[in-house]
């Protein structure tokens, strides 16, 4: 069996030896926190991949804070941790999928279908009573593999497409940041507050139950259908601050059966870096 959106802790526990498990925990305010957390306690056998160094390329003068990694380098990276074409990849975090979904999306962007996010993350794993390990990696490293090269299963658009959409609307933008950041009432990270004109607000926390697991697929489907109306999922573009947490909204739509939406990787950090680009505040339209 292949999991392509979410995997439950019980399912992972039964198939742990057959999966490539990756710890994706990250803290924007403390870039080393994720690796420290991995050392302190992780799912047995899990490898750690860093959002800044492994799952992004270097920041440039016109990029957002987490530019997409080079596809060939990403394939080599995943191959180095043992991912081959038929192997199940599982990503987890401690943030409701806000960082693990980035690896989920990236794996799909190079055509790897068998990739899922652990529903509830490390917290759900521990709450279920499953063991953790700590310290440096103790399990034998898998032999390098080849994840294969297939047609991408994930699509993205660049800033030029977003700019064109202002005058010739064909895309529906969904902003995954908090409602306060969307409205421009608070901006703890980027130099400008607000949102891309015309974007809809869907804070990613709305996809989760109180325990950090995703809402059931039918409830997610209804929520996104209510938000989008008659707008087709394949014309939806997700963004956030830097193209990481927006992937959680993408994952929620895929899990809900609303397939084909896209990512704007540059997101708000790229958009607001050019003062010539318009900024909207308030509730939007």
Protein backbone atom coordinates (compact mmCIF):
# COMPACT_ATOMS: atom_id res chain seq x y z
CA UNK A 1 0.00 0.00 0.00
CA UNK A 2 1.15 3.52 -0.83
CA UNK A 3 0.29 6.63 1.13
CA UNK A 4 0.17 9.81 -0.93
CA UNK A 5 -1.18 12.47 1.46
CA UNK A 6 -1.36 11.48 5.14
CA UNK A 7 -0.27 8.40 7.07
CA UNK A 8 -1.47 7.54 10.57
CA UNK A 9 0.95 6.63 13.36
CA UNK A 10 -0.37 3.07 13.55
CA UNK A 11 0.20 2.61 9.83
CA UNK A 12 3.74 3.94 10.06
CA UNK A 13 4.52 1.77 13.09
CA UNK A 14 3.56 -1.35 11.17
CA UNK A 15 5.66 -0.38 8.13
CA UNK A 16 8.48 1.56 9.79
CA UNK A 17 11.29 -0.67 8.52
CA UNK A 18 10.05 -0.32 4.94
CA UNK A 19 9.83 3.49 4.95
CA UNK A 20 12.26 6.36 4.62
CA UNK A 21 11.31 8.65 7.49
CA UNK A 22 12.47 12.28 7.61
CA UNK A 23 12.30 14.71 10.50
CA UNK A 24 11.45 18.17 9.13
CA UNK A 25 11.16 20.18 12.33
CA UNK A 26 12.21 23.81 11.96
CA UNK A 27 12.07 27.10 13.82
CA UNK A 28 12.40 30.31 11.81
CA UNK A 29 13.69 32.17 14.86
CA UNK A 30 16.28 29.48 15.68
CA UNK A 31 17.53 27.67 12.54
CA UNK A 32 19.48 25.09 14.58
CA UNK A 33 16.49 24.11 16.71
CA UNK A 34 15.27 21.41 14.35
CA UNK A 35 18.53 19.47 14.39
CA UNK A 36 18.78 19.80 18.17
CA UNK A 37 15.26 18.46 18.50
CA UNK A 38 16.13 15.54 16.20
CA UNK A 39 19.08 14.66 18.42
CA UNK A 40 16.97 14.95 21.58
CA UNK A 41 14.22 12.61 20.40
CA UNK A 42 12.96 11.29 17.06
CA UNK A 43 11.14 8.41 15.44
CA UNK A 44 13.59 5.49 15.27
CA UNK A 45 15.59 5.56 12.06
CA UNK A 46 14.44 9.04 11.05
CA UNK A 47 16.88 11.23 9.16
CA UNK A 48 16.94 15.00 9.46
CA UNK A 49 16.66 17.40 6.53
CA UNK A 50 17.02 21.14 7.10
CA UNK A 51 14.52 23.56 5.61
CA UNK A 52 17.17 26.19 4.86
CA UNK A 53 20.03 24.03 3.59
CA UNK A 54 18.54 20.77 2.28
CA UNK A 55 15.03 21.70 1.17
CA UNK A 56 15.84 25.10 -0.33
CA UNK A 57 18.49 26.66 -2.54
CA UNK A 58 20.53 29.73 -1.53
CA UNK A 59 18.62 32.97 -1.15
CA UNK A 60 19.22 35.48 -3.92
CA UNK A 61 18.46 39.19 -4.31
CA UNK A 62 15.16 38.50 -6.08
CA UNK A 63 14.03 35.29 -4.39
CA UNK A 64 11.92 34.59 -1.36
CA UNK A 65 13.38 33.21 1.85
CA UNK A 66 13.20 29.55 0.74
CA UNK A 67 13.81 29.21 -3.01
CA UNK A 68 13.13 25.80 -4.49
CA UNK A 69 16.11 23.44 -4.53
CA UNK A 70 17.56 22.30 -7.83
CA UNK A 71 15.60 19.15 -8.86
CA UNK A 72 18.74 17.16 -9.69
CA UNK A 73 20.29 18.00 -6.31
CA UNK A 74 17.04 17.08 -4.58
CA UNK A 75 17.00 13.69 -6.30
CA UNK A 76 20.57 13.05 -5.18
CA UNK A 77 19.78 14.13 -1.64
CA UNK A 78 16.79 11.80 -1.38
CA UNK A 79 18.75 9.02 -3.04
CA UNK A 80 21.54 9.47 -0.50
CA UNK A 81 19.11 8.70 2.34
CA UNK A 82 17.98 5.56 0.56
CA UNK A 83 14.88 6.63 -1.34
CA UNK A 84 14.27 4.59 -4.46
CA UNK A 85 11.39 4.72 -6.88
CA UNK A 86 9.16 2.28 -5.02
CA UNK A 87 9.97 3.27 -1.44
CA UNK A 88 7.51 5.03 0.85
CA UNK A 89 8.72 8.42 2.06
CA UNK A 90 7.24 9.82 5.30
CA UNK A 91 7.82 13.35 6.57
CA UNK A 92 6.95 14.61 10.03
CA UNK A 93 7.26 17.70 12.19
CA UNK A 94 5.80 19.13 15.39
CA UNK A 95 3.83 21.91 13.71
CA UNK A 96 0.72 20.37 12.19
CA UNK A 97 2.48 19.57 8.93
CA UNK A 98 3.56 23.18 8.36
CA UNK A 99 7.16 22.15 7.60
CA UNK A 100 6.79 18.45 6.77
CA UNK A 101 4.45 19.31 3.90
CA UNK A 102 7.34 21.12 2.18
CA UNK A 103 9.18 17.80 1.74
CA UNK A 104 5.90 16.16 0.69
CA UNK A 105 5.47 18.79 -2.05
CA UNK A 106 9.12 18.68 -3.12
CA UNK A 107 9.09 14.90 -3.50
CA UNK A 108 5.98 15.18 -5.65
CA UNK A 109 7.66 17.91 -7.68
CA UNK A 110 10.23 15.36 -8.89
CA UNK A 111 7.55 12.74 -9.55
CA UNK A 112 7.71 10.63 -6.37
CA UNK A 113 4.14 9.58 -5.58
CA UNK A 114 4.66 7.46 -2.45
CA UNK A 115 5.17 10.33 -0.02
CA UNK A 116 3.00 11.24 2.96
CA UNK A 117 3.00 13.43 6.05
CA UNK A 118 2.62 11.77 9.44
CA UNK A 119 -0.76 12.93 10.73
CA UNK A 120 -0.21 14.59 14.09
CA UNK A 121 3.57 14.49 13.75
CA UNK A 122 5.94 13.42 16.49
CA UNK A 123 3.39 14.35 19.16
CA UNK A 124 0.89 11.80 17.86
CA UNK A 125 3.63 9.17 17.64
CA UNK A 126 4.59 9.68 21.28
CA UNK A 127 0.99 9.95 22.46
CA UNK A 128 0.35 6.53 20.98
CA UNK A 129 3.18 5.11 23.09
CA UNK A 130 5.63 4.38 20.31
CA UNK A 131 9.36 4.66 21.09
CA UNK A 132 11.77 7.44 20.20
CA UNK A 133 15.55 7.39 19.92
CA UNK A 134 18.06 10.13 20.62
CA UNK A 135 21.67 11.07 20.00
CA UNK A 136 23.43 10.57 16.70
CA UNK A 137 21.88 8.17 14.19
CA UNK A 138 22.28 4.58 15.35
CA UNK A 139 20.44 2.66 12.65
CA UNK A 140 22.55 1.54 9.68
CA UNK A 141 22.29 4.00 6.82
CA UNK A 142 20.50 2.66 3.79
CA UNK A 143 22.58 2.23 0.69
CA UNK A 144 22.32 5.16 -1.74
CA UNK A 145 19.46 4.68 -4.15
CA UNK A 146 17.88 6.30 -7.16
CA UNK A 147 14.44 7.85 -6.59
CA UNK A 148 13.90 7.84 -10.34
CA UNK A 149 12.91 10.62 -12.69
CA UNK A 150 9.23 10.84 -13.48
CA UNK A 151 6.89 13.59 -14.57
CA UNK A 152 6.26 16.12 -11.79
CA UNK A 153 3.16 15.56 -9.69
CA UNK A 154 3.26 19.10 -8.28
CA UNK A 155 3.12 22.40 -10.13
CA UNK A 156 4.25 25.90 -9.28
CA UNK A 157 4.11 29.41 -10.68
CA UNK A 158 6.64 32.22 -10.58
CA UNK A 159 6.26 35.85 -9.60
CA UNK A 160 5.70 36.90 -13.22
CA UNK A 161 2.56 34.76 -13.36
CA UNK A 162 1.30 36.34 -10.13
CA UNK A 163 1.94 39.84 -11.52
CA UNK A 164 0.09 39.01 -14.76
CA UNK A 165 -2.82 37.71 -12.72
CA UNK A 166 -3.42 41.16 -11.27
CA UNK A 167 -4.57 42.52 -14.62
CA UNK A 168 -5.72 39.28 -16.26
CA UNK A 169 -7.17 37.16 -13.46
CA UNK A 170 -7.11 33.43 -14.14
CA UNK A 171 -5.66 32.17 -10.86
CA UNK A 172 -7.10 32.12 -7.34
CA UNK A 173 -4.52 32.83 -4.64
CA UNK A 174 -4.86 31.40 -1.14
CA UNK A 175 -2.77 32.88 1.68
CA UNK A 176 -1.84 30.32 4.39
CA UNK A 177 -0.52 32.82 6.94
CA UNK A 178 -2.41 33.92 10.02
CA UNK A 179 -5.37 36.22 9.53
CA UNK A 180 -3.49 39.03 11.30
CA UNK A 181 -0.59 38.84 8.85
CA UNK A 182 -2.98 38.61 5.89
CA UNK A 183 -4.84 41.73 7.02
CA UNK A 184 -1.57 43.58 7.59
CA UNK A 185 -2.12 44.01 11.32
CA UNK A 186 1.09 42.20 12.23
CA UNK A 187 4.22 41.15 10.37
CA UNK A 188 6.88 39.50 12.53
CA UNK A 189 9.19 38.39 9.73
CA UNK A 190 8.97 40.35 6.48
CA UNK A 191 9.53 44.11 6.06
CA UNK A 192 6.06 44.83 4.65
CA UNK A 193 2.67 43.81 6.05
CA UNK A 194 -0.38 42.82 4.04
CA UNK A 195 -1.23 40.39 1.26
CA UNK A 196 -1.19 40.03 -2.51
CA UNK A 197 -4.22 41.85 -3.94
CA UNK A 198 -7.13 39.50 -4.63
CA UNK A 199 -5.81 36.67 -2.46
CA UNK A 200 -8.17 34.71 -0.21
CA UNK A 201 -7.26 33.95 3.39
CA UNK A 202 -7.09 30.35 4.63
CA UNK A 203 -4.82 30.13 7.70
CA UNK A 204 -3.34 26.65 7.72
CA UNK A 205 -4.35 26.08 11.36
CA UNK A 206 -7.95 25.80 10.15
CA UNK A 207 -7.06 22.44 8.58
CA UNK A 208 -6.30 20.89 11.96
CA UNK A 209 -8.12 19.38 14.91
CA UNK A 210 -7.19 20.58 18.42
CA UNK A 211 -4.71 17.69 18.77
CA UNK A 212 -2.79 18.75 15.66
CA UNK A 213 -4.15 16.07 13.33
CA UNK A 214 -5.85 17.01 10.08
CA UNK A 215 -9.61 17.33 9.91
CA UNK A 216 -11.39 14.48 8.11
CA UNK A 217 -11.24 14.72 4.32
CA UNK A 218 -14.99 15.44 3.83
CA UNK A 219 -14.82 18.39 6.24
CA UNK A 220 -11.73 19.79 4.50
CA UNK A 221 -13.40 19.37 1.13
CA UNK A 222 -16.47 21.31 2.27
CA UNK A 223 -14.37 24.09 3.80
CA UNK A 224 -12.30 24.62 0.65
CA UNK A 225 -15.37 24.33 -1.58
CA UNK A 226 -17.08 27.02 0.50
CA UNK A 227 -13.99 29.23 0.16
CA UNK A 228 -13.49 28.71 -3.57
CA UNK A 229 -17.06 28.59 -4.81
CA UNK A 230 -16.99 27.61 -8.47
CA UNK A 231 -13.26 28.30 -8.87
CA UNK A 232 -11.50 25.12 -10.10
CA UNK A 233 -8.80 23.58 -7.87
CA UNK A 234 -6.32 23.47 -10.76
CA UNK A 235 -6.41 27.28 -10.94
CA UNK A 236 -5.62 27.68 -7.23
CA UNK A 237 -2.19 28.95 -6.14
CA UNK A 238 -1.06 28.73 -2.51
CA UNK A 239 1.41 31.05 -0.84
CA UNK A 240 2.63 31.91 2.65
CA UNK A 241 5.71 33.76 3.88
CA UNK A 242 8.34 31.80 1.97
CA UNK A 243 6.71 28.83 0.23
CA UNK A 244 7.04 26.34 3.10
CA UNK A 245 3.86 26.35 5.19
CA UNK A 246 1.67 27.00 2.12
CA UNK A 247 2.35 23.38 1.22
CA UNK A 248 0.18 22.37 4.18
CA UNK A 249 -2.86 23.97 2.49
CA UNK A 250 -1.87 22.16 -0.70
CA UNK A 251 -1.71 18.89 1.21
CA UNK A 252 -5.10 19.53 2.80
CA UNK A 253 -6.70 20.10 -0.61
CA UNK A 254 -5.12 16.96 -2.06
CA UNK A 255 -6.25 14.93 0.95
CA UNK A 256 -9.75 16.34 0.45
CA UNK A 257 -9.79 15.13 -3.15
CA UNK A 258 -9.40 18.62 -4.62
CA UNK A 259 -6.48 17.88 -6.90
CA UNK A 260 -4.03 19.95 -8.87
CA UNK A 261 -3.57 23.23 -7.03
CA UNK A 262 -0.20 24.98 -7.29
CA UNK A 263 2.47 26.64 -5.17
CA UNK A 264 3.94 30.13 -5.48
CA UNK A 265 7.38 29.36 -3.98
CA UNK A 266 8.54 32.97 -3.64
CA UNK A 267 5.43 33.80 -1.61
CA UNK A 268 5.08 36.99 0.40
CA UNK A 269 8.80 37.37 1.13
CA UNK A 270 9.50 37.66 -2.60
CA UNK A 271 6.40 39.67 -3.46
CA UNK A 272 6.93 42.38 -0.87
CA UNK A 273 10.65 42.74 -1.65
CA UNK A 274 9.83 44.95 -4.65
CA UNK A 275 8.16 48.23 -3.61
CA UNK A 276 6.63 48.53 -7.08
CA UNK A 277 4.35 45.55 -6.41
CA UNK A 278 0.97 46.44 -4.92
CA UNK A 279 0.03 45.42 -1.38
CA UNK A 280 -3.45 44.95 0.01
CA UNK A 281 -4.56 45.11 3.63
CA UNK A 282 -7.76 44.39 5.48
CA UNK A 283 -10.17 41.55 4.85
CA UNK A 284 -9.73 41.42 1.09
CA UNK A 285 -12.43 40.58 -1.38
